[in-house]
Amino acid sequence: MRTGMTVAGDGPSIWVVGDRYTIKASGDDTGGAFSMIEAWVSPQSGPPPHLHHREDEAFYILEGSLEFHADGQTFRPDPGAWISLARGSLHWFRNVGETPARMLIMTTPAGLEQFFLEVGRPAADGDEPTPPSQQEIDRLIEAAPRYGLEIRLPAH
């Protein structure tokens, strides 16, 4: 693990199916122990139902109105709340508010950040979110098994 400091706003940022993820600490920074990602979730956006087979995941809500679904439970945490999910937990979240939501996502061990870097597109200051294209969704589904992820898209 490296000793160091990250400045606010630092870290690679990518758009992943409409949400912006900034990697604050990667596995390279933590000796593979964990990753820390700042998520900016657009209104009415969020990932599809999925499971992580390799890592536990935790969320610290910074601002906004998020609704989480995990293993048959639904909850709406307030800013300042901490949510922990064990690997193998079927879950998803959605920004149910009218303004962007922000949270920190920690995964143990690290690795999820590499998935985001592979499937996302680089984000720059001033970028606006766009709805995910079919190509982005296909790339997400194709890459997921390599990272121990199982995506469960709703049937149309």
N, C-alpha and C. Protein backbone atom coordinates (compact mmCIF):
# COMPACT_ATOMS: atom_id res chain seq x y z
N MET A 1 0.84 -1.17 0.00
CA MET A 1 0.00 0.00 0.00
C MET A 1 0.89 1.23 0.00
N ARG A 2 0.54 2.21 -0.84
CA ARG A 2 1.31 3.45 -0.89
C ARG A 2 0.81 4.42 0.17
N THR A 3 1.72 5.22 0.69
CA THR A 3 1.35 6.30 1.58
C THR A 3 1.19 7.53 0.72
N GLY A 4 0.12 8.26 0.92
CA GLY A 4 -0.08 9.45 0.09
C GLY A 4 -1.41 10.11 0.38
N MET A 5 -1.73 11.09 -0.47
CA MET A 5 -2.95 11.86 -0.31
C MET A 5 -3.55 12.10 -1.68
N THR A 6 -4.88 12.06 -1.76
CA THR A 6 -5.58 12.39 -2.99
C THR A 6 -6.32 13.71 -2.77
N VAL A 7 -6.22 14.62 -3.71
CA VAL A 7 -6.87 15.91 -3.64
C VAL A 7 -8.29 15.79 -4.19
N ALA A 8 -9.22 16.57 -3.62
CA ALA A 8 -10.60 16.55 -4.12
C ALA A 8 -10.61 16.76 -5.62
N GLY A 9 -11.40 15.95 -6.31
CA GLY A 9 -11.49 16.05 -7.77
C GLY A 9 -10.47 15.19 -8.49
N ASP A 10 -9.45 14.72 -7.78
CA ASP A 10 -8.43 13.88 -8.42
C ASP A 10 -8.98 12.48 -8.68
N GLY A 11 -8.37 11.83 -9.63
CA GLY A 11 -8.70 10.46 -9.97
C GLY A 11 -9.38 10.40 -11.32
N PRO A 12 -9.17 9.30 -12.04
CA PRO A 12 -9.81 9.16 -13.34
C PRO A 12 -11.33 9.10 -13.19
N SER A 13 -12.04 9.81 -14.06
CA SER A 13 -13.50 9.82 -14.07
C SER A 13 -14.00 9.19 -15.35
N ILE A 14 -15.04 8.37 -15.21
CA ILE A 14 -15.64 7.71 -16.36
C ILE A 14 -17.17 7.73 -16.23
N TRP A 15 -17.82 7.78 -17.38
CA TRP A 15 -19.27 7.62 -17.45
C TRP A 15 -19.56 6.15 -17.65
N VAL A 16 -20.41 5.59 -16.81
CA VAL A 16 -20.82 4.20 -16.93
C VAL A 16 -22.35 4.19 -16.92
N VAL A 17 -22.91 3.84 -18.05
CA VAL A 17 -24.36 3.82 -18.28
C VAL A 17 -25.10 4.98 -17.61
N GLY A 18 -24.61 6.20 -17.86
CA GLY A 18 -25.30 7.41 -17.42
C GLY A 18 -24.86 7.99 -16.10
N ASP A 19 -24.01 7.29 -15.35
CA ASP A 19 -23.52 7.79 -14.06
C ASP A 19 -22.02 8.02 -14.13
N ARG A 20 -21.54 8.98 -13.36
CA ARG A 20 -20.11 9.32 -13.38
C ARG A 20 -19.42 8.74 -12.15
N TYR A 21 -18.34 8.00 -12.39
CA TYR A 21 -17.56 7.38 -11.33
C TYR A 21 -16.14 7.94 -11.36
N THR A 22 -15.68 8.44 -10.23
CA THR A 22 -14.31 8.95 -10.11
C THR A 22 -13.57 8.03 -9.13
N ILE A 23 -12.49 7.45 -9.61
CA ILE A 23 -11.73 6.50 -8.78
C ILE A 23 -10.81 7.30 -7.86
N LYS A 24 -11.11 7.27 -6.58
CA LYS A 24 -10.35 8.00 -5.58
C LYS A 24 -9.18 7.18 -5.06
N ALA A 25 -9.37 5.86 -4.96
CA ALA A 25 -8.29 4.95 -4.55
C ALA A 25 -8.50 3.63 -5.28
N SER A 26 -7.50 3.21 -6.02
CA SER A 26 -7.60 1.97 -6.79
C SER A 26 -6.84 0.86 -6.06
N GLY A 27 -6.95 -0.33 -6.60
CA GLY A 27 -6.18 -1.45 -6.06
C GLY A 27 -4.69 -1.19 -6.12
N ASP A 28 -4.24 -0.44 -7.14
CA ASP A 28 -2.82 -0.08 -7.22
C ASP A 28 -2.41 0.79 -6.04
N ASP A 29 -3.33 1.62 -5.55
CA ASP A 29 -3.04 2.51 -4.42
C ASP A 29 -3.09 1.79 -3.07
N THR A 30 -3.87 0.70 -3.00
CA THR A 30 -4.13 0.05 -1.70
C THR A 30 -3.58 -1.36 -1.60
N GLY A 31 -2.71 -1.73 -2.52
CA GLY A 31 -2.18 -3.09 -2.50
C GLY A 31 -3.26 -4.13 -2.76
N GLY A 32 -4.33 -3.74 -3.46
CA GLY A 32 -5.43 -4.64 -3.77
C GLY A 32 -6.44 -4.81 -2.65
N ALA A 33 -6.22 -4.14 -1.52
CA ALA A 33 -7.10 -4.32 -0.36
C ALA A 33 -8.51 -3.80 -0.60
N PHE A 34 -8.62 -2.61 -1.21
CA PHE A 34 -9.94 -2.02 -1.44
C PHE A 34 -9.83 -0.98 -2.54
N SER A 35 -10.99 -0.56 -3.02
CA SER A 35 -11.07 0.60 -3.90
C SER A 35 -12.11 1.55 -3.32
N MET A 36 -11.93 2.84 -3.61
CA MET A 36 -12.88 3.87 -3.19
C MET A 36 -13.24 4.67 -4.42
N ILE A 37 -14.53 4.76 -4.69
CA ILE A 37 -15.03 5.41 -5.90
C ILE A 37 -16.09 6.41 -5.50
N GLU A 38 -15.98 7.63 -6.03
CA GLU A 38 -17.03 8.62 -5.83
C GLU A 38 -18.01 8.48 -6.99
N ALA A 39 -19.29 8.30 -6.67
CA ALA A 39 -20.32 8.13 -7.70
C ALA A 39 -21.21 9.37 -7.73
N TRP A 40 -21.48 9.83 -8.94
CA TRP A 40 -22.41 10.92 -9.20
C TRP A 40 -23.51 10.28 -10.03
N VAL A 41 -24.71 10.18 -9.44
CA VAL A 41 -25.81 9.44 -10.05
C VAL A 41 -26.86 10.43 -10.53
N SER A 42 -27.13 10.40 -11.82
CA SER A 42 -28.11 11.28 -12.43
C SER A 42 -29.51 10.98 -11.88
N PRO A 43 -30.40 11.98 -11.89
CA PRO A 43 -31.79 11.72 -11.49
C PRO A 43 -32.40 10.59 -12.32
N GLN A 44 -33.11 9.71 -11.64
CA GLN A 44 -33.80 8.56 -12.25
C GLN A 44 -32.83 7.56 -12.89
N SER A 45 -31.59 7.56 -12.44
CA SER A 45 -30.57 6.68 -12.99
C SER A 45 -30.05 5.74 -11.90
N GLY A 46 -29.30 4.75 -12.33
CA GLY A 46 -28.68 3.78 -11.44
C GLY A 46 -28.45 2.49 -12.20
N PRO A 47 -27.67 1.58 -11.64
CA PRO A 47 -27.33 0.34 -12.34
C PRO A 47 -28.49 -0.66 -12.35
N PRO A 48 -28.44 -1.62 -13.26
CA PRO A 48 -29.43 -2.69 -13.24
C PRO A 48 -29.17 -3.64 -12.08
N PRO A 49 -30.13 -4.49 -11.73
CA PRO A 49 -29.88 -5.50 -10.69
C PRO A 49 -28.64 -6.32 -11.04
N HIS A 50 -27.80 -6.55 -10.01
CA HIS A 50 -26.56 -7.29 -10.24
C HIS A 50 -26.04 -7.89 -8.94
N LEU A 51 -25.08 -8.82 -9.10
CA LEU A 51 -24.40 -9.45 -7.97
C LEU A 51 -22.90 -9.34 -8.18
N HIS A 52 -22.17 -9.19 -7.09
CA HIS A 52 -20.71 -9.24 -7.11
C HIS A 52 -20.30 -10.57 -6.51
N HIS A 53 -19.54 -11.37 -7.25
CA HIS A 53 -19.09 -12.65 -6.73
C HIS A 53 -17.69 -12.56 -6.12
N ARG A 54 -17.00 -11.42 -6.30
CA ARG A 54 -15.62 -11.30 -5.80
C ARG A 54 -15.45 -10.32 -4.65
N GLU A 55 -16.34 -9.34 -4.52
CA GLU A 55 -16.10 -8.31 -3.52
C GLU A 55 -17.35 -7.97 -2.72
N ASP A 56 -17.11 -7.52 -1.50
CA ASP A 56 -18.15 -6.88 -0.69
C ASP A 56 -18.18 -5.43 -1.13
N GLU A 57 -19.33 -4.78 -0.93
CA GLU A 57 -19.49 -3.40 -1.40
C GLU A 57 -20.18 -2.59 -0.30
N ALA A 58 -19.74 -1.36 -0.12
CA ALA A 58 -20.36 -0.48 0.87
C ALA A 58 -20.53 0.90 0.25
N PHE A 59 -21.54 1.61 0.71
CA PHE A 59 -21.90 2.92 0.17
C PHE A 59 -22.03 3.92 1.31
N TYR A 60 -21.44 5.10 1.15
CA TYR A 60 -21.62 6.19 2.10
C TYR A 60 -22.32 7.32 1.34
N ILE A 61 -23.54 7.64 1.74
CA ILE A 61 -24.35 8.61 1.03
C ILE A 61 -23.89 10.03 1.40
N LEU A 62 -23.51 10.81 0.38
CA LEU A 62 -23.08 12.19 0.59
C LEU A 62 -24.22 13.18 0.40
N GLU A 63 -25.00 13.00 -0.66
CA GLU A 63 -26.14 13.89 -0.89
C GLU A 63 -27.09 13.25 -1.90
N GLY A 64 -28.35 13.67 -1.82
CA GLY A 64 -29.34 13.20 -2.78
C GLY A 64 -30.29 12.19 -2.20
N SER A 65 -31.20 11.74 -3.07
CA SER A 65 -32.26 10.80 -2.69
C SER A 65 -32.07 9.50 -3.45
N LEU A 66 -31.48 8.53 -2.79
CA LEU A 66 -31.23 7.23 -3.40
C LEU A 66 -32.14 6.18 -2.77
N GLU A 67 -32.59 5.26 -3.60
CA GLU A 67 -33.35 4.12 -3.11
C GLU A 67 -32.55 2.87 -3.44
N PHE A 68 -32.31 2.05 -2.43
CA PHE A 68 -31.56 0.81 -2.58
C PHE A 68 -32.50 -0.38 -2.49
N HIS A 69 -32.21 -1.38 -3.29
CA HIS A 69 -32.91 -2.66 -3.25
C HIS A 69 -31.82 -3.71 -3.05
N ALA A 70 -31.95 -4.51 -2.00
CA ALA A 70 -30.94 -5.53 -1.72
C ALA A 70 -31.59 -6.73 -1.07
N ASP A 71 -31.46 -7.88 -1.72
CA ASP A 71 -31.95 -9.14 -1.17
C ASP A 71 -33.39 -9.03 -0.66
N GLY A 72 -34.27 -8.43 -1.47
CA GLY A 72 -35.68 -8.35 -1.12
C GLY A 72 -36.06 -7.20 -0.21
N GLN A 73 -35.10 -6.38 0.21
CA GLN A 73 -35.39 -5.23 1.06
C GLN A 73 -35.24 -3.94 0.25
N THR A 74 -36.02 -2.95 0.58
CA THR A 74 -35.94 -1.64 -0.04
C THR A 74 -35.73 -0.60 1.06
N PHE A 75 -34.80 0.32 0.85
CA PHE A 75 -34.59 1.37 1.83
C PHE A 75 -34.09 2.63 1.15
N ARG A 76 -34.39 3.77 1.78
CA ARG A 76 -33.99 5.09 1.30
C ARG A 76 -33.13 5.77 2.37
N PRO A 77 -31.84 5.60 2.27
CA PRO A 77 -30.95 6.18 3.29
C PRO A 77 -30.81 7.69 3.13
N ASP A 78 -30.68 8.37 4.25
CA ASP A 78 -30.41 9.81 4.24
C ASP A 78 -28.92 10.05 4.06
N PRO A 79 -28.53 11.26 3.62
CA PRO A 79 -27.10 11.57 3.59
C PRO A 79 -26.46 11.31 4.95
N GLY A 80 -25.28 10.73 4.92
CA GLY A 80 -24.57 10.35 6.14
C GLY A 80 -24.75 8.88 6.47
N ALA A 81 -25.65 8.19 5.77
CA ALA A 81 -25.88 6.76 6.04
C ALA A 81 -24.79 5.92 5.36
N TRP A 82 -24.54 4.77 5.95
CA TRP A 82 -23.56 3.79 5.47
C TRP A 82 -24.32 2.50 5.21
N ILE A 83 -24.20 1.94 4.00
CA ILE A 83 -24.86 0.69 3.64
C ILE A 83 -23.79 -0.32 3.30
N SER A 84 -23.85 -1.51 3.89
CA SER A 84 -22.90 -2.58 3.61
C SER A 84 -23.62 -3.74 2.95
N LEU A 85 -23.04 -4.25 1.86
CA LEU A 85 -23.60 -5.40 1.16
C LEU A 85 -22.53 -6.47 1.01
N ALA A 86 -22.87 -7.67 1.38
CA ALA A 86 -21.94 -8.80 1.26
C ALA A 86 -21.91 -9.29 -0.19
N ARG A 87 -20.77 -9.82 -0.60
CA ARG A 87 -20.70 -10.42 -1.94
C ARG A 87 -21.81 -11.44 -2.08
N GLY A 88 -22.34 -11.53 -3.31
CA GLY A 88 -23.44 -12.44 -3.58
C GLY A 88 -24.81 -11.84 -3.33
N SER A 89 -24.85 -10.61 -2.87
CA SER A 89 -26.12 -9.93 -2.61
C SER A 89 -26.69 -9.38 -3.92
N LEU A 90 -27.92 -9.75 -4.27
CA LEU A 90 -28.58 -9.17 -5.44
C LEU A 90 -29.04 -7.78 -5.05
N HIS A 91 -28.56 -6.77 -5.79
CA HIS A 91 -28.88 -5.40 -5.42
C HIS A 91 -28.85 -4.46 -6.62
N TRP A 92 -29.42 -3.30 -6.40
CA TRP A 92 -29.35 -2.17 -7.32
C TRP A 92 -29.80 -0.94 -6.57
N PHE A 93 -29.51 0.22 -7.14
CA PHE A 93 -29.96 1.47 -6.54
C PHE A 93 -30.43 2.40 -7.65
N ARG A 94 -31.21 3.39 -7.26
CA ARG A 94 -31.73 4.36 -8.21
C ARG A 94 -31.81 5.71 -7.51
N ASN A 95 -31.45 6.76 -8.24
CA ASN A 95 -31.64 8.12 -7.75
C ASN A 95 -33.10 8.46 -7.99
N VAL A 96 -33.88 8.54 -6.92
CA VAL A 96 -35.31 8.82 -7.03
C VAL A 96 -35.60 10.32 -6.89
N GLY A 97 -34.55 11.13 -6.79
CA GLY A 97 -34.72 12.57 -6.66
C GLY A 97 -34.69 13.28 -8.00
N GLU A 98 -34.76 14.60 -7.92
CA GLU A 98 -34.75 15.44 -9.11
C GLU A 98 -33.40 16.12 -9.33
N THR A 99 -32.46 15.89 -8.43
CA THR A 99 -31.11 16.44 -8.56
C THR A 99 -30.12 15.28 -8.47
N PRO A 100 -28.89 15.48 -8.94
CA PRO A 100 -27.90 14.40 -8.85
C PRO A 100 -27.67 13.97 -7.39
N ALA A 101 -27.36 12.71 -7.22
CA ALA A 101 -26.99 12.17 -5.91
C ALA A 101 -25.51 11.83 -5.96
N ARG A 102 -24.86 11.92 -4.79
CA ARG A 102 -23.44 11.56 -4.70
C ARG A 102 -23.24 10.62 -3.54
N MET A 103 -22.32 9.67 -3.75
CA MET A 103 -21.96 8.75 -2.68
C MET A 103 -20.55 8.24 -2.92
N LEU A 104 -19.98 7.70 -1.88
CA LEU A 104 -18.71 6.98 -1.97
C LEU A 104 -19.02 5.50 -1.97
N ILE A 105 -18.36 4.76 -2.85
CA ILE A 105 -18.52 3.31 -2.93
C ILE A 105 -17.17 2.69 -2.60
N MET A 106 -17.17 1.79 -1.62
CA MET A 106 -15.95 1.07 -1.27
C MET A 106 -16.15 -0.41 -1.58
N THR A 107 -15.19 -1.00 -2.26
CA THR A 107 -15.23 -2.43 -2.52
C THR A 107 -14.00 -3.09 -1.90
N THR A 108 -14.23 -4.26 -1.33
CA THR A 108 -13.13 -5.04 -0.77
C THR A 108 -13.25 -6.48 -1.24
N PRO A 109 -12.24 -7.02 -1.86
CA PRO A 109 -11.00 -6.35 -2.29
C PRO A 109 -11.26 -5.44 -3.49
N ALA A 110 -10.19 -4.79 -3.94
CA ALA A 110 -10.26 -3.91 -5.10
C ALA A 110 -10.51 -4.73 -6.36
N GLY A 111 -10.86 -4.06 -7.44
CA GLY A 111 -11.04 -4.71 -8.73
C GLY A 111 -12.20 -4.13 -9.52
N LEU A 112 -13.26 -3.71 -8.84
CA LEU A 112 -14.42 -3.16 -9.53
C LEU A 112 -14.06 -1.92 -10.33
N GLU A 113 -13.09 -1.16 -9.83
CA GLU A 113 -12.69 0.05 -10.56
C GLU A 113 -12.13 -0.27 -11.94
N GLN A 114 -11.51 -1.44 -12.09
CA GLN A 114 -10.99 -1.84 -13.39
C GLN A 114 -12.12 -2.14 -14.37
N PHE A 115 -13.21 -2.70 -13.86
CA PHE A 115 -14.40 -2.94 -14.67
C PHE A 115 -14.94 -1.61 -15.19
N PHE A 116 -15.08 -0.62 -14.30
CA PHE A 116 -15.59 0.68 -14.72
C PHE A 116 -14.68 1.31 -15.78
N LEU A 117 -13.37 1.20 -15.60
CA LEU A 117 -12.44 1.76 -16.59
C LEU A 117 -12.58 1.07 -17.94
N GLU A 118 -12.85 -0.24 -17.93
CA GLU A 118 -13.00 -0.96 -19.20
C GLU A 118 -14.30 -0.63 -19.92
N VAL A 119 -15.40 -0.56 -19.21
CA VAL A 119 -16.70 -0.41 -19.87
C VAL A 119 -17.14 1.02 -20.04
N GLY A 120 -16.56 1.95 -19.29
CA GLY A 120 -17.00 3.34 -19.33
C GLY A 120 -16.32 4.15 -20.42
N ARG A 121 -16.75 5.39 -20.52
CA ARG A 121 -16.10 6.34 -21.43
C ARG A 121 -15.55 7.47 -20.59
N PRO A 122 -14.39 8.02 -20.96
CA PRO A 122 -13.78 9.07 -20.15
C PRO A 122 -14.73 10.26 -19.94
N ALA A 123 -14.70 10.80 -18.74
CA ALA A 123 -15.50 11.98 -18.40
C ALA A 123 -14.57 13.17 -18.23
N ALA A 124 -15.01 14.31 -18.69
CA ALA A 124 -14.24 15.55 -18.54
C ALA A 124 -15.10 16.56 -17.80
N ASP A 125 -14.46 17.55 -17.19
CA ASP A 125 -15.20 18.60 -16.50
C ASP A 125 -16.18 19.24 -17.47
N GLY A 126 -17.39 19.46 -17.00
CA GLY A 126 -18.41 20.08 -17.82
C GLY A 126 -19.23 19.11 -18.64
N ASP A 127 -18.84 17.83 -18.67
CA ASP A 127 -19.63 16.81 -19.38
C ASP A 127 -21.01 16.69 -18.75
N GLU A 128 -21.97 16.42 -19.57
CA GLU A 128 -23.33 16.14 -19.09
C GLU A 128 -23.62 14.66 -19.32
N PRO A 129 -24.44 14.07 -18.45
CA PRO A 129 -24.79 12.66 -18.64
C PRO A 129 -25.65 12.48 -19.88
N THR A 130 -25.52 11.33 -20.48
CA THR A 130 -26.37 10.96 -21.61
C THR A 130 -26.94 9.58 -21.33
N PRO A 131 -28.13 9.29 -21.84
CA PRO A 131 -28.66 7.94 -21.64
C PRO A 131 -27.70 6.92 -22.24
N PRO A 132 -27.59 5.74 -21.63
CA PRO A 132 -26.66 4.74 -22.15
C PRO A 132 -27.10 4.26 -23.54
N SER A 133 -26.13 4.09 -24.40
CA SER A 133 -26.41 3.55 -25.73
C SER A 133 -26.48 2.03 -25.62
N GLN A 134 -27.04 1.41 -26.63
CA GLN A 134 -27.09 -0.05 -26.66
C GLN A 134 -25.68 -0.63 -26.67
N GLN A 135 -24.76 0.06 -27.34
CA GLN A 135 -23.36 -0.38 -27.38
C GLN A 135 -22.75 -0.38 -25.97
N GLU A 136 -23.04 0.66 -25.16
CA GLU A 136 -22.54 0.71 -23.79
C GLU A 136 -23.12 -0.43 -22.95
N ILE A 137 -24.40 -0.69 -23.11
CA ILE A 137 -25.05 -1.76 -22.36
C ILE A 137 -24.46 -3.11 -22.76
N ASP A 138 -24.27 -3.31 -24.07
CA ASP A 138 -23.68 -4.57 -24.55
C ASP A 138 -22.27 -4.76 -24.00
N ARG A 139 -21.47 -3.68 -23.98
CA ARG A 139 -20.09 -3.75 -23.47
C ARG A 139 -20.10 -4.12 -21.98
N LEU A 140 -21.04 -3.55 -21.22
CA LEU A 140 -21.18 -3.83 -19.80
C LEU A 140 -21.50 -5.31 -19.58
N ILE A 141 -22.47 -5.82 -20.31
CA ILE A 141 -22.89 -7.22 -20.15
C ILE A 141 -21.78 -8.18 -20.57
N GLU A 142 -21.07 -7.85 -21.63
CA GLU A 142 -19.99 -8.72 -22.13
C GLU A 142 -18.82 -8.78 -21.16
N ALA A 143 -18.47 -7.65 -20.55
CA ALA A 143 -17.30 -7.59 -19.66
C ALA A 143 -17.59 -8.12 -18.25
N ALA A 144 -18.82 -8.05 -17.81
CA ALA A 144 -19.16 -8.36 -16.41
C ALA A 144 -18.61 -9.69 -15.91
N PRO A 145 -18.76 -10.80 -16.64
CA PRO A 145 -18.26 -12.09 -16.09
C PRO A 145 -16.76 -12.09 -15.83
N ARG A 146 -15.98 -11.34 -16.59
CA ARG A 146 -14.52 -11.28 -16.36
C ARG A 146 -14.18 -10.67 -15.01
N TYR A 147 -15.13 -9.92 -14.43
CA TYR A 147 -14.91 -9.25 -13.15
C TYR A 147 -15.77 -9.86 -12.03
N GLY A 148 -16.31 -11.06 -12.28
CA GLY A 148 -17.10 -11.72 -11.25
C GLY A 148 -18.44 -11.06 -11.01
N LEU A 149 -18.95 -10.35 -12.01
CA LEU A 149 -20.24 -9.67 -11.89
C LEU A 149 -21.30 -10.43 -12.68
N GLU A 150 -22.48 -10.44 -12.15
CA GLU A 150 -23.63 -11.05 -12.82
C GLU A 150 -24.70 -9.97 -12.94
N ILE A 151 -24.98 -9.56 -14.18
CA ILE A 151 -25.98 -8.52 -14.45
C ILE A 151 -27.31 -9.23 -14.70
N ARG A 152 -28.35 -8.75 -14.05
CA ARG A 152 -29.69 -9.33 -14.24
C ARG A 152 -30.61 -8.25 -14.80
N LEU A 153 -30.60 -8.12 -16.13
CA LEU A 153 -31.44 -7.11 -16.76
C LEU A 153 -32.91 -7.51 -16.65
N PRO A 154 -33.77 -6.50 -16.40
CA PRO A 154 -35.20 -6.81 -16.34
C PRO A 154 -35.70 -7.25 -17.72
N ALA A 155 -36.68 -8.14 -17.74
CA ALA A 155 -37.28 -8.58 -19.00
C ALA A 155 -38.17 -7.47 -19.52
N HIS A 156 -38.17 -7.29 -20.82
CA HIS A 156 -39.03 -6.24 -21.41
C HIS A 156 -40.33 -6.82 -21.86
